[in-house]
Amino acid sequence: KGTAILGGYHSPAYNNRSTRQKVY
């Protein structure tokens, strides 16, 4: 779910550790 919200594995948001951590 988090990966989908972030826009997928290769999205800039997914690769932004801080943002990814906030979502999870």
PDB file of all heavy atoms in Angstrom:
ATOM      1  N   LYS A   1       0.837  -1.206   0.000  1.00  0.00           N
ATOM      2  CA  LYS A   1       0.000   0.000   0.000  1.00  0.00           C
ATOM      3  C   LYS A   1       0.868   1.251   0.000  1.00  0.00           C
ATOM      4  O   LYS A   1       0.615   2.201  -0.751  1.00  0.00           O
ATOM      5  CB  LYS A   1      -0.938  -0.011   1.211  1.00  0.00           C
ATOM      6  CG  LYS A   1      -1.916   1.129   1.222  1.00  0.00           C
ATOM      7  CD  LYS A   1      -2.885   0.995   0.052  1.00  0.00           C
ATOM      8  CE  LYS A   1      -3.993   1.999   0.138  1.00  0.00           C
ATOM      9  NZ  LYS A   1      -5.014   1.780  -0.882  1.00  0.00           N
ATOM     10  N   GLY A   2       1.893   1.263   0.849  1.00  0.00           N
ATOM     11  CA  GLY A   2       2.786   2.413   0.920  1.00  0.00           C
ATOM     12  C   GLY A   2       3.492   2.666  -0.402  1.00  0.00           C
ATOM     13  O   GLY A   2       3.598   3.819  -0.851  1.00  0.00           O
ATOM     14  N   THR A   3       3.947   1.613  -1.039  1.00  0.00           N
ATOM     15  CA  THR A   3       4.626   1.742  -2.328  1.00  0.00           C
ATOM     16  C   THR A   3       3.683   2.331  -3.364  1.00  0.00           C
ATOM     17  O   THR A   3       4.071   3.214  -4.138  1.00  0.00           O
ATOM     18  CB  THR A   3       5.152   0.368  -2.799  1.00  0.00           C
ATOM     19  OG1 THR A   3       6.063  -0.128  -1.816  1.00  0.00           O
ATOM     20  CG2 THR A   3       5.866   0.467  -4.130  1.00  0.00           C
ATOM     21  N   ALA A   4       2.447   1.882  -3.365  1.00  0.00           N
ATOM     22  CA  ALA A   4       1.458   2.414  -4.313  1.00  0.00           C
ATOM     23  C   ALA A   4       1.196   3.896  -4.051  1.00  0.00           C
ATOM     24  O   ALA A   4       1.130   4.692  -4.994  1.00  0.00           O
ATOM     25  CB  ALA A   4       0.160   1.610  -4.219  1.00  0.00           C
ATOM     26  N   ILE A   5       1.055   4.266  -2.795  1.00  0.00           N
ATOM     27  CA  ILE A   5       0.788   5.667  -2.448  1.00  0.00           C
ATOM     28  C   ILE A   5       1.955   6.560  -2.863  1.00  0.00           C
ATOM     29  O   ILE A   5       1.763   7.684  -3.322  1.00  0.00           O
ATOM     30  CB  ILE A   5       0.495   5.798  -0.943  1.00  0.00           C
ATOM     31  CG1 ILE A   5      -0.899   5.237  -0.649  1.00  0.00           C
ATOM     32  CG2 ILE A   5       0.600   7.239  -0.462  1.00  0.00           C
ATOM     33  CD1 ILE A   5      -1.225   5.108   0.808  1.00  0.00           C
ATOM     34  N   LEU A   6       3.158   6.034  -2.718  1.00  0.00           N
ATOM     35  CA  LEU A   6       4.354   6.804  -3.062  1.00  0.00           C
ATOM     36  C   LEU A   6       4.576   6.919  -4.575  1.00  0.00           C
ATOM     37  O   LEU A   6       5.379   7.724  -5.018  1.00  0.00           O
ATOM     38  CB  LEU A   6       5.588   6.183  -2.401  1.00  0.00           C
ATOM     39  CG  LEU A   6       5.655   6.358  -0.887  1.00  0.00           C
ATOM     40  CD1 LEU A   6       6.604   5.349  -0.263  1.00  0.00           C
ATOM     41  CD2 LEU A   6       6.064   7.777  -0.537  1.00  0.00           C
ATOM     42  N   GLY A   7       3.869   6.104  -5.342  1.00  0.00           N
ATOM     43  CA  GLY A   7       3.997   6.169  -6.794  1.00  0.00           C
ATOM     44  C   GLY A   7       4.854   5.071  -7.397  1.00  0.00           C
ATOM     45  O   GLY A   7       5.276   5.164  -8.545  1.00  0.00           O
ATOM     46  N   GLY A   8       5.130   4.027  -6.632  1.00  0.00           N
ATOM     47  CA  GLY A   8       5.903   2.900  -7.145  1.00  0.00           C
ATOM     48  C   GLY A   8       7.356   2.951  -6.694  1.00  0.00           C
ATOM     49  O   GLY A   8       7.840   3.963  -6.188  1.00  0.00           O
ATOM     50  N   TYR A   9       8.047   1.842  -6.927  1.00  0.00           N
ATOM     51  CA  TYR A   9       9.427   1.696  -6.470  1.00  0.00           C
ATOM     52  C   TYR A   9      10.388   2.716  -7.082  1.00  0.00           C
ATOM     53  O   TYR A   9      11.357   3.100  -6.461  1.00  0.00           O
ATOM     54  CB  TYR A   9       9.957   0.295  -6.782  1.00  0.00           C
ATOM     55  CG  TYR A   9       9.381  -0.776  -5.899  1.00  0.00           C
ATOM     56  CD1 TYR A   9       8.523  -1.741  -6.413  1.00  0.00           C
ATOM     57  CD2 TYR A   9       9.687  -0.829  -4.544  1.00  0.00           C
ATOM     58  CE1 TYR A   9       7.995  -2.727  -5.601  1.00  0.00           C
ATOM     59  CE2 TYR A   9       9.158  -1.812  -3.727  1.00  0.00           C
ATOM     60  CZ  TYR A   9       8.314  -2.758  -4.263  1.00  0.00           C
ATOM     61  OH  TYR A   9       7.783  -3.724  -3.458  1.00  0.00           O
ATOM     62  N   HIS A  10      10.134   3.105  -8.286  1.00  0.00           N
ATOM     63  CA  HIS A  10      11.080   3.976  -8.980  1.00  0.00           C
ATOM     64  C   HIS A  10      10.700   5.451  -8.902  1.00  0.00           C
ATOM     65  O   HIS A  10      11.339   6.282  -9.527  1.00  0.00           O
ATOM     66  CB  HIS A  10      11.225   3.529 -10.435  1.00  0.00           C
ATOM     67  CG  HIS A  10      11.698   2.110 -10.544  1.00  0.00           C
ATOM     68  ND1 HIS A  10      12.954   1.713 -10.152  1.00  0.00           N
ATOM     69  CD2 HIS A  10      11.065   0.983 -10.957  1.00  0.00           C
ATOM     70  CE1 HIS A  10      13.083   0.415 -10.332  1.00  0.00           C
ATOM     71  NE2 HIS A  10      11.951  -0.059 -10.817  1.00  0.00           N
ATOM     72  N   SER A  11       9.688   5.776  -8.128  1.00  0.00           N
ATOM     73  CA  SER A  11       9.260   7.181  -8.026  1.00  0.00           C
ATOM     74  C   SER A  11      10.220   7.961  -7.126  1.00  0.00           C
ATOM     75  O   SER A  11      10.851   7.399  -6.225  1.00  0.00           O
ATOM     76  CB  SER A  11       7.845   7.259  -7.456  1.00  0.00           C
ATOM     77  OG  SER A  11       7.849   6.887  -6.089  1.00  0.00           O
ATOM     78  N   PRO A  12      10.333   9.257  -7.371  1.00  0.00           N
ATOM     79  CA  PRO A  12      11.173  10.094  -6.500  1.00  0.00           C
ATOM     80  C   PRO A  12      10.721  10.050  -5.036  1.00  0.00           C
ATOM     81  O   PRO A  12      11.555  10.032  -4.133  1.00  0.00           O
ATOM     82  CB  PRO A  12      11.015  11.492  -7.088  1.00  0.00           C
ATOM     83  CG  PRO A  12      10.665  11.271  -8.523  1.00  0.00           C
ATOM     84  CD  PRO A  12       9.837  10.011  -8.529  1.00  0.00           C
ATOM     85  N   ALA A  13       9.413  10.002  -4.799  1.00  0.00           N
ATOM     86  CA  ALA A  13       8.916   9.976  -3.420  1.00  0.00           C
ATOM     87  C   ALA A  13       9.310   8.669  -2.729  1.00  0.00           C
ATOM     88  O   ALA A  13       9.671   8.672  -1.551  1.00  0.00           O
ATOM     89  CB  ALA A  13       7.404  10.159  -3.392  1.00  0.00           C
ATOM     90  N   TYR A  14       9.240   7.554  -3.435  1.00  0.00           N
ATOM     91  CA  TYR A  14       9.648   6.275  -2.843  1.00  0.00           C
ATOM     92  C   TYR A  14      11.132   6.305  -2.513  1.00  0.00           C
ATOM     93  O   TYR A  14      11.561   5.795  -1.482  1.00  0.00           O
ATOM     94  CB  TYR A  14       9.348   5.105  -3.784  1.00  0.00           C
ATOM     95  CG  TYR A  14       9.729   3.781  -3.179  1.00  0.00           C
ATOM     96  CD1 TYR A  14       8.846   3.111  -2.349  1.00  0.00           C
ATOM     97  CD2 TYR A  14      10.990   3.214  -3.401  1.00  0.00           C
ATOM     98  CE1 TYR A  14       9.201   1.909  -1.759  1.00  0.00           C
ATOM     99  CE2 TYR A  14      11.346   2.017  -2.817  1.00  0.00           C
ATOM    100  CZ  TYR A  14      10.457   1.365  -1.994  1.00  0.00           C
ATOM    101  OH  TYR A  14      10.807   0.176  -1.401  1.00  0.00           O
ATOM    102  N   ASN A  15      11.907   6.909  -3.363  1.00  0.00           N
ATOM    103  CA  ASN A  15      13.357   6.962  -3.155  1.00  0.00           C
ATOM    104  C   ASN A  15      13.775   8.040  -2.162  1.00  0.00           C
ATOM    105  O   ASN A  15      14.942   8.112  -1.803  1.00  0.00           O
ATOM    106  CB  ASN A  15      14.071   7.139  -4.493  1.00  0.00           C
ATOM    107  CG  ASN A  15      13.963   5.873  -5.316  1.00  0.00           C
ATOM    108  OD1 ASN A  15      14.357   4.803  -4.872  1.00  0.00           O
ATOM    109  ND2 ASN A  15      13.387   5.974  -6.500  1.00  0.00           N
ATOM    110  N   ASN A  16      12.818   8.852  -1.714  1.00  0.00           N
ATOM    111  CA  ASN A  16      13.085   9.837  -0.671  1.00  0.00           C
ATOM    112  C   ASN A  16      12.818   9.138   0.668  1.00  0.00           C
ATOM    113  O   ASN A  16      11.668   8.911   1.054  1.00  0.00           O
ATOM    114  CB  ASN A  16      12.164  11.053  -0.843  1.00  0.00           C
ATOM    115  CG  ASN A  16      12.411  12.119   0.181  1.00  0.00           C
ATOM    116  OD1 ASN A  16      12.360  11.856   1.376  1.00  0.00           O
ATOM    117  ND2 ASN A  16      12.659  13.327  -0.286  1.00  0.00           N
ATOM    118  N   ARG A  17      13.884   8.787   1.352  1.00  0.00           N
ATOM    119  CA  ARG A  17      13.777   7.974   2.567  1.00  0.00           C
ATOM    120  C   ARG A  17      12.847   8.598   3.602  1.00  0.00           C
ATOM    121  O   ARG A  17      12.040   7.906   4.229  1.00  0.00           O
ATOM    122  CB  ARG A  17      15.167   7.758   3.148  1.00  0.00           C
ATOM    123  CG  ARG A  17      15.162   6.848   4.336  1.00  0.00           C
ATOM    124  CD  ARG A  17      16.545   6.598   4.842  1.00  0.00           C
ATOM    125  NE  ARG A  17      16.470   5.679   5.971  1.00  0.00           N
ATOM    126  CZ  ARG A  17      17.489   5.291   6.665  1.00  0.00           C
ATOM    127  NH1 ARG A  17      18.690   5.704   6.352  1.00  0.00           N
ATOM    128  NH2 ARG A  17      17.329   4.470   7.670  1.00  0.00           N
ATOM    129  N   SER A  18      12.947   9.890   3.792  1.00  0.00           N
ATOM    130  CA  SER A  18      12.136  10.573   4.799  1.00  0.00           C
ATOM    131  C   SER A  18      10.642  10.455   4.480  1.00  0.00           C
ATOM    132  O   SER A  18       9.831  10.132   5.354  1.00  0.00           O
ATOM    133  CB  SER A  18      12.538  12.046   4.872  1.00  0.00           C
ATOM    134  OG  SER A  18      11.665  12.754   5.711  1.00  0.00           O
ATOM    135  N   THR A  19      10.289  10.697   3.236  1.00  0.00           N
ATOM    136  CA  THR A  19       8.882  10.628   2.831  1.00  0.00           C
ATOM    137  C   THR A  19       8.368   9.194   2.915  1.00  0.00           C
ATOM    138  O   THR A  19       7.264   8.939   3.410  1.00  0.00           O
ATOM    139  CB  THR A  19       8.701  11.178   1.404  1.00  0.00           C
ATOM    140  OG1 THR A  19       9.213  12.506   1.368  1.00  0.00           O
ATOM    141  CG2 THR A  19       7.247  11.169   0.983  1.00  0.00           C
ATOM    142  N   ARG A  20       9.168   8.257   2.436  1.00  0.00           N
ATOM    143  CA  ARG A  20       8.785   6.843   2.484  1.00  0.00           C
ATOM    144  C   ARG A  20       8.535   6.427   3.931  1.00  0.00           C
ATOM    145  O   ARG A  20       7.531   5.780   4.247  1.00  0.00           O
ATOM    146  CB  ARG A  20       9.879   5.991   1.844  1.00  0.00           C
ATOM    147  CG  ARG A  20       9.514   4.522   1.750  1.00  0.00           C
ATOM    148  CD  ARG A  20      10.567   3.712   1.018  1.00  0.00           C
ATOM    149  NE  ARG A  20      11.819   3.692   1.747  1.00  0.00           N
ATOM    150  CZ  ARG A  20      12.996   4.049   1.252  1.00  0.00           C
ATOM    151  NH1 ARG A  20      13.103   4.457   0.006  1.00  0.00           N
ATOM    152  NH2 ARG A  20      14.078   3.979   1.990  1.00  0.00           N
ATOM    153  N   GLN A  21       9.410   6.837   4.824  1.00  0.00           N
ATOM    154  CA  GLN A  21       9.266   6.491   6.234  1.00  0.00           C
ATOM    155  C   GLN A  21       7.998   7.099   6.820  1.00  0.00           C
ATOM    156  O   GLN A  21       7.282   6.448   7.584  1.00  0.00           O
ATOM    157  CB  GLN A  21      10.493   6.970   7.006  1.00  0.00           C
ATOM    158  CG  GLN A  21      10.520   6.527   8.437  1.00  0.00           C
ATOM    159  CD  GLN A  21      11.831   6.926   9.121  1.00  0.00           C
ATOM    160  OE1 GLN A  21      12.708   7.528   8.522  1.00  0.00           O
ATOM    161  NE2 GLN A  21      11.944   6.587  10.382  1.00  0.00           N
ATOM    162  N   LYS A  22       7.679   8.322   6.453  1.00  0.00           N
ATOM    163  CA  LYS A  22       6.457   8.971   6.947  1.00  0.00           C
ATOM    164  C   LYS A  22       5.213   8.193   6.536  1.00  0.00           C
ATOM    165  O   LYS A  22       4.279   8.025   7.321  1.00  0.00           O
ATOM    166  CB  LYS A  22       6.357  10.402   6.425  1.00  0.00           C
ATOM    167  CG  LYS A  22       7.313  11.369   7.055  1.00  0.00           C
ATOM    168  CD  LYS A  22       7.162  12.737   6.410  1.00  0.00           C
ATOM    169  CE  LYS A  22       8.261  13.688   6.828  1.00  0.00           C
ATOM    170  NZ  LYS A  22       8.145  14.980   6.133  1.00  0.00           N
ATOM    171  N   VAL A  23       5.195   7.737   5.289  1.00  0.00           N
ATOM    172  CA  VAL A  23       4.033   6.985   4.792  1.00  0.00           C
ATOM    173  C   VAL A  23       3.865   5.693   5.577  1.00  0.00           C
ATOM    174  O   VAL A  23       2.779   5.395   6.099  1.00  0.00           O
ATOM    175  CB  VAL A  23       4.157   6.698   3.282  1.00  0.00           C
ATOM    176  CG1 VAL A  23       3.091   5.703   2.824  1.00  0.00           C
ATOM    177  CG2 VAL A  23       4.050   7.990   2.487  1.00  0.00           C
ATOM    178  N   TYR A  24       4.931   4.916   5.683  1.00  0.00           N
ATOM    179  CA  TYR A  24       4.829   3.640   6.389  1.00  0.00           C
ATOM    180  C   TYR A  24       4.480   3.851   7.865  1.00  0.00           C
ATOM    181  O   TYR A  24       3.657   3.124   8.418  1.00  0.00           O
ATOM    182  CB  TYR A  24       6.116   2.827   6.252  1.00  0.00           C
ATOM    183  CG  TYR A  24       6.347   2.324   4.841  1.00  0.00           C
ATOM    184  CD1 TYR A  24       7.581   2.453   4.236  1.00  0.00           C
ATOM    185  CD2 TYR A  24       5.328   1.734   4.109  1.00  0.00           C
ATOM    186  CE1 TYR A  24       7.798   1.997   2.943  1.00  0.00           C
ATOM    187  CE2 TYR A  24       5.526   1.276   2.819  1.00  0.00           C
ATOM    188  CZ  TYR A  24       6.768   1.411   2.245  1.00  0.00           C
ATOM    189  OH  TYR A  24       6.972   0.956   0.977  1.00  0.00           O
TER     190      TYR A  24
END
